[in-house]
N, C-alpha and C. Protein backbone atom coordinates (compact mmCIF):
# COMPACT_ATOMS: atom_id res chain seq x y z
N MET A 1 -6.84 4.98 -39.55
CA MET A 1 -6.61 3.87 -39.36
C MET A 1 -5.84 3.54 -37.94
N GLY A 2 -6.57 3.11 -37.63
CA GLY A 2 -6.54 2.63 -36.17
C GLY A 2 -6.61 4.31 -34.85
N GLN A 3 -5.99 3.69 -33.72
CA GLN A 3 -6.19 4.81 -32.68
C GLN A 3 -4.68 4.96 -32.74
N SER A 4 -4.51 6.28 -32.35
CA SER A 4 -3.25 7.15 -31.69
C SER A 4 -2.50 6.14 -31.12
N HIS A 5 -1.23 6.93 -30.93
CA HIS A 5 -0.64 7.10 -29.48
C HIS A 5 -1.41 7.20 -27.83
N SER A 6 -1.80 8.70 -28.48
CA SER A 6 -2.42 9.52 -27.69
C SER A 6 -3.54 8.75 -27.25
N GLU A 7 -4.88 8.68 -28.37
CA GLU A 7 -5.79 7.87 -27.66
C GLU A 7 -5.69 6.56 -26.76
N LEU A 8 -4.72 5.84 -27.60
CA LEU A 8 -4.84 4.76 -27.05
C LEU A 8 -4.21 5.00 -24.86
N ASP A 9 -3.44 5.77 -25.00
CA ASP A 9 -3.62 6.48 -23.55
C ASP A 9 -4.54 6.75 -22.64
N ASP A 10 -5.40 7.83 -23.53
CA ASP A 10 -6.20 8.06 -22.82
C ASP A 10 -7.13 6.62 -22.64
N GLU A 11 -7.40 5.98 -23.52
CA GLU A 11 -8.02 5.14 -23.13
C GLU A 11 -7.73 4.04 -22.24
N VAL A 12 -6.12 3.75 -22.02
CA VAL A 12 -5.95 2.97 -20.63
C VAL A 12 -6.29 3.67 -19.57
N ALA A 13 -6.41 5.07 -19.37
CA ALA A 13 -5.59 5.72 -18.29
C ALA A 13 -7.22 6.03 -17.83
N LEU A 14 -7.67 5.59 -18.64
CA LEU A 14 -9.87 5.69 -18.71
C LEU A 14 -10.37 4.60 -17.81
N THR A 15 -9.89 3.40 -18.22
CA THR A 15 -9.95 2.53 -17.85
C THR A 15 -8.88 2.13 -16.54
N HIS A 16 -8.13 2.27 -16.40
CA HIS A 16 -7.05 2.38 -14.96
C HIS A 16 -8.59 3.19 -14.25
N ILE A 17 -8.14 4.37 -14.58
CA ILE A 17 -9.97 5.12 -13.37
C ILE A 17 -10.70 4.21 -12.99
N GLN A 18 -11.66 3.55 -14.24
CA GLN A 18 -12.86 2.75 -13.49
C GLN A 18 -12.34 1.64 -12.49
N GLU A 19 -11.34 0.92 -12.55
CA GLU A 19 -10.84 0.19 -12.33
C GLU A 19 -10.90 0.67 -10.73
N ARG A 20 -10.24 1.98 -10.18
CA ARG A 20 -9.74 2.08 -9.60
C ARG A 20 -10.80 2.70 -8.43
N TYR A 21 -11.96 3.43 -9.34
CA TYR A 21 -13.17 3.90 -8.92
C TYR A 21 -14.02 2.17 -8.15
N ARG A 22 -13.70 1.30 -9.07
CA ARG A 22 -14.81 0.28 -8.45
C ARG A 22 -14.18 -0.52 -7.67
N LYS A 23 -12.52 -0.60 -6.64
CA LYS A 23 -12.56 -0.79 -5.51
C LYS A 23 -12.42 0.35 -4.46
N PHE A 24 -12.22 1.64 -5.07
CA PHE A 24 -12.77 3.07 -4.52
C PHE A 24 -14.13 2.57 -3.15
N ALA A 25 -15.45 2.39 -4.30
CA ALA A 25 -16.80 2.44 -3.92
C ALA A 25 -16.64 1.04 -3.00
N SER A 26 -16.45 -0.50 -3.48
CA SER A 26 -16.06 -1.71 -2.64
C SER A 26 -15.30 -1.13 -1.56
N GLU A 27 -14.65 -0.60 -0.80
CA GLU A 27 -13.59 -0.54 0.35
C GLU A 27 -14.93 1.28 1.01
N CYS A 28 -15.27 1.49 0.18
CA CYS A 28 -15.48 3.18 1.32
C CYS A 28 -17.35 3.14 0.39
N PRO A 29 -17.96 2.53 0.69
CA PRO A 29 -19.33 2.36 0.41
C PRO A 29 -19.93 3.69 0.19
N SER A 30 -19.73 4.57 1.66
CA SER A 30 -19.88 5.72 1.71
C SER A 30 -19.92 7.01 -0.11
N GLY A 31 -18.14 6.78 -0.56
CA GLY A 31 -18.16 7.67 -0.85
C GLY A 31 -16.59 8.53 -0.69
N ASN A 32 -16.91 7.76 0.92
CA ASN A 32 -16.06 8.76 1.77
C ASN A 32 -14.90 8.14 2.36
N ILE A 33 -13.42 8.59 2.22
CA ILE A 33 -12.62 8.21 2.73
C ILE A 33 -12.51 8.30 4.58
N ASP A 34 -12.65 7.76 5.70
CA ASP A 34 -12.61 8.09 7.26
C ASP A 34 -11.58 8.78 7.18
N LEU A 35 -11.25 9.88 7.33
CA LEU A 35 -10.02 10.20 8.08
C LEU A 35 -9.50 9.28 9.66
N ILE A 36 -10.87 9.38 10.35
CA ILE A 36 -10.44 8.15 11.51
C ILE A 36 -9.52 6.87 11.16
N GLU A 37 -10.13 6.47 10.95
CA GLU A 37 -10.44 4.38 10.10
C GLU A 37 -8.85 4.80 9.26
N GLU A 38 -8.82 5.52 8.59
CA GLU A 38 -7.33 5.62 7.49
C GLU A 38 -6.56 6.46 7.82
N SER A 39 -6.23 6.79 9.37
CA SER A 39 -4.95 8.10 9.72
C SER A 39 -3.93 7.92 9.84
N ALA A 40 -3.75 6.61 10.65
CA ALA A 40 -2.60 5.67 10.45
C ALA A 40 -2.10 5.51 9.33
N TYR A 41 -2.78 4.80 8.06
CA TYR A 41 -2.35 4.43 7.06
C TYR A 41 -2.06 5.82 6.11
N MET A 42 -2.75 6.80 6.58
CA MET A 42 -2.08 7.65 5.76
C MET A 42 -1.40 8.91 6.12
N ASP A 43 -0.68 8.45 7.75
CA ASP A 43 -0.02 9.22 7.78
C ASP A 43 1.53 8.02 7.23
N ASN A 44 1.48 7.01 6.95
CA ASN A 44 2.25 6.22 6.45
C ASN A 44 2.90 6.59 5.12
N VAL A 45 1.30 6.60 4.34
CA VAL A 45 1.38 6.90 3.09
C VAL A 45 2.38 8.36 2.90
N PHE A 46 2.15 9.22 3.51
CA PHE A 46 2.74 10.39 3.68
C PHE A 46 4.10 10.54 4.07
N ARG A 47 4.32 9.83 4.98
CA ARG A 47 6.10 10.02 5.66
C ARG A 47 6.65 9.50 4.46
N SER A 48 6.14 8.14 3.68
CA SER A 48 7.29 7.93 2.47
C SER A 48 7.11 8.11 1.28
N PHE A 49 6.35 9.30 1.41
CA PHE A 49 6.83 9.97 0.12
C PHE A 49 7.50 11.72 0.67
N ASP A 50 7.57 12.13 1.94
CA ASP A 50 7.75 12.56 2.42
C ASP A 50 10.03 12.81 2.63
N ALA A 51 10.45 12.56 1.26
CA ALA A 51 11.81 12.10 1.05
C ALA A 51 12.58 12.82 2.28
N ASN A 52 12.93 14.47 2.64
CA ASN A 52 13.30 14.89 3.71
C ASN A 52 13.19 15.12 4.97
N ASN A 53 11.98 14.51 4.77
CA ASN A 53 11.45 14.60 6.56
C ASN A 53 10.97 15.27 6.91
N ASP A 54 10.31 16.73 6.68
CA ASP A 54 10.07 17.94 6.95
C ASP A 54 8.64 18.09 7.05
N ASN A 55 7.69 17.16 7.07
CA ASN A 55 6.27 16.62 7.37
C ASN A 55 5.66 17.82 6.25
N MET A 56 6.31 18.06 5.15
CA MET A 56 5.25 18.35 4.02
C MET A 56 5.79 18.26 2.82
N LEU A 57 4.46 18.01 1.38
CA LEU A 57 5.55 16.81 0.20
C LEU A 57 5.29 17.92 -0.71
N ASP A 58 6.77 18.79 -0.70
CA ASP A 58 6.89 19.95 -2.11
C ASP A 58 6.80 19.25 -3.49
N PHE A 59 6.93 20.25 -4.20
CA PHE A 59 6.43 20.14 -5.35
C PHE A 59 6.98 18.66 -6.33
N MET A 60 8.52 18.59 -5.69
CA MET A 60 8.87 17.34 -6.71
C MET A 60 9.02 16.06 -5.76
N GLU A 61 8.46 16.30 -4.23
CA GLU A 61 8.01 14.82 -3.60
C GLU A 61 6.82 14.13 -4.34
N TYR A 62 5.98 15.23 -4.44
CA TYR A 62 4.36 14.67 -4.63
C TYR A 62 4.40 14.73 -6.53
N VAL A 63 5.71 14.90 -6.76
CA VAL A 63 5.98 14.70 -9.10
C VAL A 63 5.93 12.87 -8.83
N ALA A 64 6.83 12.73 -7.40
CA ALA A 64 7.63 11.23 -7.58
C ALA A 64 6.74 10.71 -7.09
N ALA A 65 5.85 10.67 -6.09
CA ALA A 65 5.04 9.88 -5.60
C ALA A 65 3.48 9.73 -6.86
N VAL A 66 3.20 10.35 -7.39
CA VAL A 66 2.29 10.33 -8.33
C VAL A 66 3.20 9.60 -9.36
N HIS A 67 4.34 9.93 -9.86
CA HIS A 67 4.96 8.94 -10.89
C HIS A 67 5.07 7.17 -10.54
N LEU A 68 5.08 7.22 -8.74
CA LEU A 68 6.07 5.93 -8.73
C LEU A 68 4.08 5.07 -8.88
N VAL A 69 3.23 5.98 -7.99
CA VAL A 69 1.95 5.41 -8.01
C VAL A 69 1.27 4.61 -9.87
N LEU A 70 2.01 5.69 -10.59
CA LEU A 70 0.85 5.62 -11.71
C LEU A 70 1.68 4.89 -12.71
N ARG A 71 2.99 5.03 -12.67
CA ARG A 71 3.83 4.70 -13.99
C ARG A 71 5.09 4.23 -13.27
N GLY A 72 5.35 3.73 -11.85
CA GLY A 72 6.39 3.57 -10.99
C GLY A 72 7.22 1.85 -12.13
N LYS A 73 7.92 1.26 -11.76
CA LYS A 73 8.45 0.00 -12.18
C LYS A 73 7.52 -1.07 -10.92
N LEU A 74 7.67 -2.20 -11.02
CA LEU A 74 6.35 -2.82 -10.27
C LEU A 74 7.78 -3.17 -8.86
N GLU A 75 9.28 -3.26 -9.00
CA GLU A 75 10.61 -3.75 -8.02
C GLU A 75 10.00 -2.13 -7.28
N ASP A 76 10.32 -1.05 -7.35
CA ASP A 76 9.97 0.30 -7.47
C ASP A 76 8.89 0.58 -6.44
N ARG A 77 7.67 0.20 -6.85
CA ARG A 77 6.42 0.02 -6.12
C ARG A 77 6.77 -1.23 -4.75
N LEU A 78 7.12 -2.21 -5.31
CA LEU A 78 7.09 -2.94 -3.92
C LEU A 78 7.89 -2.84 -2.69
N ARG A 79 8.98 -1.44 -3.41
CA ARG A 79 10.39 -1.01 -2.42
C ARG A 79 9.85 -0.33 -1.43
N TRP A 80 8.73 0.57 -2.56
CA TRP A 80 7.64 1.39 -1.37
C TRP A 80 7.00 1.00 -0.59
N THR A 81 6.42 0.06 -1.01
CA THR A 81 5.08 -0.45 -0.28
C THR A 81 5.98 -1.65 1.08
N PHE A 82 7.06 -1.66 1.05
CA PHE A 82 8.38 -2.02 2.20
C PHE A 82 8.45 -0.95 3.06
N LYS A 83 8.96 -0.05 2.93
CA LYS A 83 9.33 1.02 3.51
C LYS A 83 7.68 2.04 3.49
N LEU A 84 6.87 1.32 3.10
CA LEU A 84 5.36 1.96 3.88
C LEU A 84 4.82 1.40 5.29
N TYR A 85 5.32 0.48 4.87
CA TYR A 85 5.05 -0.17 6.31
C TYR A 85 6.18 -0.58 7.55
N ASP A 86 7.19 -0.64 6.90
CA ASP A 86 8.47 -0.25 8.33
C ASP A 86 8.45 1.09 8.70
N ARG A 87 7.61 1.01 9.21
CA ARG A 87 7.41 2.67 10.62
C ARG A 87 9.15 3.21 10.78
N ASP A 88 9.44 2.43 11.79
CA ASP A 88 10.35 2.89 12.20
C ASP A 88 11.95 3.04 11.18
N GLY A 89 11.74 2.95 10.06
CA GLY A 89 12.63 2.84 9.08
C GLY A 89 14.22 2.41 9.09
N ASN A 90 13.77 0.99 10.07
CA ASN A 90 15.47 0.60 10.72
C ASN A 90 15.63 -0.56 9.03
N GLY A 91 14.49 -0.54 7.93
CA GLY A 91 14.69 -1.80 7.10
C GLY A 91 14.25 -3.03 7.72
N HIS A 92 14.34 -3.16 8.46
CA HIS A 92 13.48 -4.61 8.91
C HIS A 92 11.57 -4.19 8.84
N LEU A 93 11.19 -5.16 8.75
CA LEU A 93 9.94 -5.41 9.25
C LEU A 93 9.55 -6.30 10.51
N ASP A 94 9.58 -5.80 11.41
CA ASP A 94 8.84 -6.30 12.59
C ASP A 94 7.69 -7.23 13.38
N LYS A 95 7.01 -7.97 13.62
CA LYS A 95 6.08 -8.66 13.50
C LYS A 95 4.68 -7.77 13.77
N LYS A 96 5.07 -6.43 15.15
CA LYS A 96 4.01 -5.13 15.06
C LYS A 96 3.83 -5.15 13.60
N GLU A 97 4.99 -4.41 12.85
CA GLU A 97 4.87 -3.65 11.61
C GLU A 97 4.36 -4.51 10.87
N GLN A 98 4.52 -5.58 10.52
CA GLN A 98 3.76 -6.89 9.74
C GLN A 98 2.12 -7.18 9.93
N LYS A 99 2.01 -6.79 11.42
CA LYS A 99 0.75 -7.18 11.98
C LYS A 99 -0.57 -5.72 10.67
N GLN A 100 0.49 -5.17 10.59
CA GLN A 100 -0.51 -3.73 10.26
C GLN A 100 -0.66 -4.48 8.65
N ILE A 101 0.17 -4.90 7.93
CA ILE A 101 0.05 -5.13 6.48
C ILE A 101 -1.40 -6.11 6.78
N ILE A 102 -0.99 -7.13 8.23
CA ILE A 102 -1.84 -8.24 8.12
C ILE A 102 -3.08 -7.82 8.43
N TYR A 103 -3.23 -6.68 9.05
CA TYR A 103 -5.28 -6.26 9.07
C TYR A 103 -5.14 -5.37 8.33
N ASN A 104 -4.31 -4.78 7.43
CA ASN A 104 -5.42 -4.45 5.80
C ASN A 104 -5.55 -5.58 4.94
N ILE A 105 -4.37 -6.74 4.92
CA ILE A 105 -4.72 -7.50 3.61
C ILE A 105 -6.68 -7.95 4.44
N LYS A 106 -6.64 -8.18 5.80
CA LYS A 106 -7.80 -8.90 6.34
C LYS A 106 -8.95 -8.32 5.92
N ARG A 107 -8.49 -6.93 5.86
CA ARG A 107 -10.02 -6.43 5.60
C ARG A 107 -10.19 -5.80 4.58
N HIS A 108 -8.92 -5.89 3.26
CA HIS A 108 -9.26 -5.48 1.93
C HIS A 108 -8.97 -7.09 1.25
N GLY A 109 -9.05 -8.02 2.10
CA GLY A 109 -8.35 -8.79 0.74
C GLY A 109 -9.36 -10.02 0.68
N ASN A 110 -9.49 -10.51 -0.46
CA ASN A 110 -10.09 -11.78 -0.50
C ASN A 110 -10.07 -12.82 0.49
N PRO A 111 -11.37 -13.54 0.66
CA PRO A 111 -11.65 -14.71 1.89
C PRO A 111 -10.86 -15.69 1.71
N SER A 112 -10.31 -16.63 2.45
CA SER A 112 -9.52 -17.12 2.30
C SER A 112 -9.86 -18.25 3.68
N GLU A 113 -9.09 -19.66 3.27
CA GLU A 113 -8.95 -21.04 4.55
C GLU A 113 -8.56 -19.91 5.89
N THR A 114 -7.62 -18.82 5.94
CA THR A 114 -7.49 -18.08 6.71
C THR A 114 -8.20 -17.38 7.60
N GLU A 115 -9.54 -16.85 6.91
CA GLU A 115 -10.28 -15.72 7.18
C GLU A 115 -11.03 -16.58 8.57
N ASN A 116 -10.88 -17.60 8.80
CA ASN A 116 -11.18 -17.63 10.89
C ASN A 116 -9.86 -17.65 11.67
N LEU A 117 -9.07 -17.05 11.15
CA LEU A 117 -7.70 -16.80 12.33
C LEU A 117 -8.07 -15.12 12.69
N THR A 118 -7.45 -14.97 13.77
CA THR A 118 -7.23 -13.90 14.02
C THR A 118 -5.98 -13.10 13.54
N PRO A 119 -5.97 -11.78 12.90
CA PRO A 119 -4.92 -11.21 12.87
C PRO A 119 -3.21 -11.54 13.48
N ASP A 120 -3.47 -12.19 14.94
CA ASP A 120 -1.94 -12.58 15.56
C ASP A 120 -1.77 -13.51 15.22
N GLN A 121 -2.71 -14.82 14.76
CA GLN A 121 -2.69 -15.75 14.60
C GLN A 121 -2.59 -16.30 12.56
N PHE A 122 -2.55 -15.08 12.34
CA PHE A 122 -2.31 -14.71 11.21
C PHE A 122 -0.79 -14.45 10.52
N ASN A 123 -0.91 -13.60 11.04
CA ASN A 123 0.53 -12.81 10.74
C ASN A 123 1.47 -13.77 11.91
N ASP A 124 1.19 -14.80 13.09
CA ASP A 124 2.56 -15.63 12.94
C ASP A 124 2.73 -16.84 12.09
N ARG A 125 1.37 -17.42 11.65
CA ARG A 125 1.58 -18.06 10.38
C ARG A 125 2.60 -17.20 9.42
N ILE A 126 2.33 -16.67 9.24
CA ILE A 126 3.18 -15.92 7.61
C ILE A 126 4.39 -15.27 8.52
N PHE A 127 5.09 -14.63 9.52
CA PHE A 127 6.00 -14.16 10.05
C PHE A 127 7.06 -15.81 10.72
N ASP A 128 6.33 -16.74 11.53
CA ASP A 128 7.05 -17.47 11.98
C ASP A 128 8.24 -17.94 10.65
N PRO A 129 8.00 -18.70 9.63
CA PRO A 129 8.57 -19.84 9.08
C PRO A 129 9.76 -18.72 8.03
N VAL A 130 9.32 -17.41 7.79
CA VAL A 130 10.65 -16.55 7.11
C VAL A 130 11.71 -16.21 8.19
N ASP A 131 11.22 -16.19 9.39
CA ASP A 131 12.32 -15.45 10.14
C ASP A 131 13.00 -16.64 11.01
N LYS A 132 14.03 -17.09 9.71
CA LYS A 132 14.78 -17.67 10.25
C LYS A 132 15.62 -18.07 11.55
N ASN A 133 16.24 -16.34 11.93
CA ASN A 133 17.04 -16.79 13.03
C ASN A 133 16.34 -16.17 14.03
N LYS A 134 15.56 -16.46 14.34
CA LYS A 134 13.99 -15.93 15.26
C LYS A 134 14.47 -14.42 16.14
N ASP A 135 15.02 -13.73 15.27
CA ASP A 135 15.42 -12.41 16.02
C ASP A 135 13.94 -11.43 15.27
N CYS A 136 13.18 -11.66 15.72
CA CYS A 136 11.88 -10.83 14.95
C CYS A 136 11.89 -9.61 14.23
N LYS A 137 12.44 -10.33 13.25
CA LYS A 137 12.99 -8.62 11.86
C LYS A 137 12.78 -10.05 10.94
N VAL A 138 12.35 -9.30 9.63
CA VAL A 138 12.17 -9.98 7.88
C VAL A 138 12.95 -9.17 7.74
C-alpha cells in the first residue's frame, strides 16, 4: 500500500544525488575538481566548518557540516553562506569579499543582462545601492 517512509527517503536522496551529479558534471566536465582552481573556495568552505579554528575538522564539525548541507534549514544555510564569504570574520562583507561572490555567480550562474559587465562593474551595481552609509561594508 504505497511506499514506506524509508523508501521515500531513499528516493528523495537518489533524486538529490542525481541533481548534484548533473550540476557537478556541468561545472567539472573532466569529472574532477581542479584543486588549484578551487583552492581558495575550498579553503573558505573548510574554514567555515572549522568551529574551533584549529585547521582540522573533528568528527563533530564534520557531522555538523554534512547535516547543514543536506538537512539544514534555509536560514542556517544562508548564515553559513554569509560566513563562507566573510573571509576576515568581521560580520560584514566588504567589496573585495563580495567580489568573490560575483566571480562565482558569473562563473556558475545563468547568463543574463549583466553578462557583458566585468566583475568589478557587476560588483558595483550590486554593492553600491545596498551600502547605504557608504562605509564599504554590507
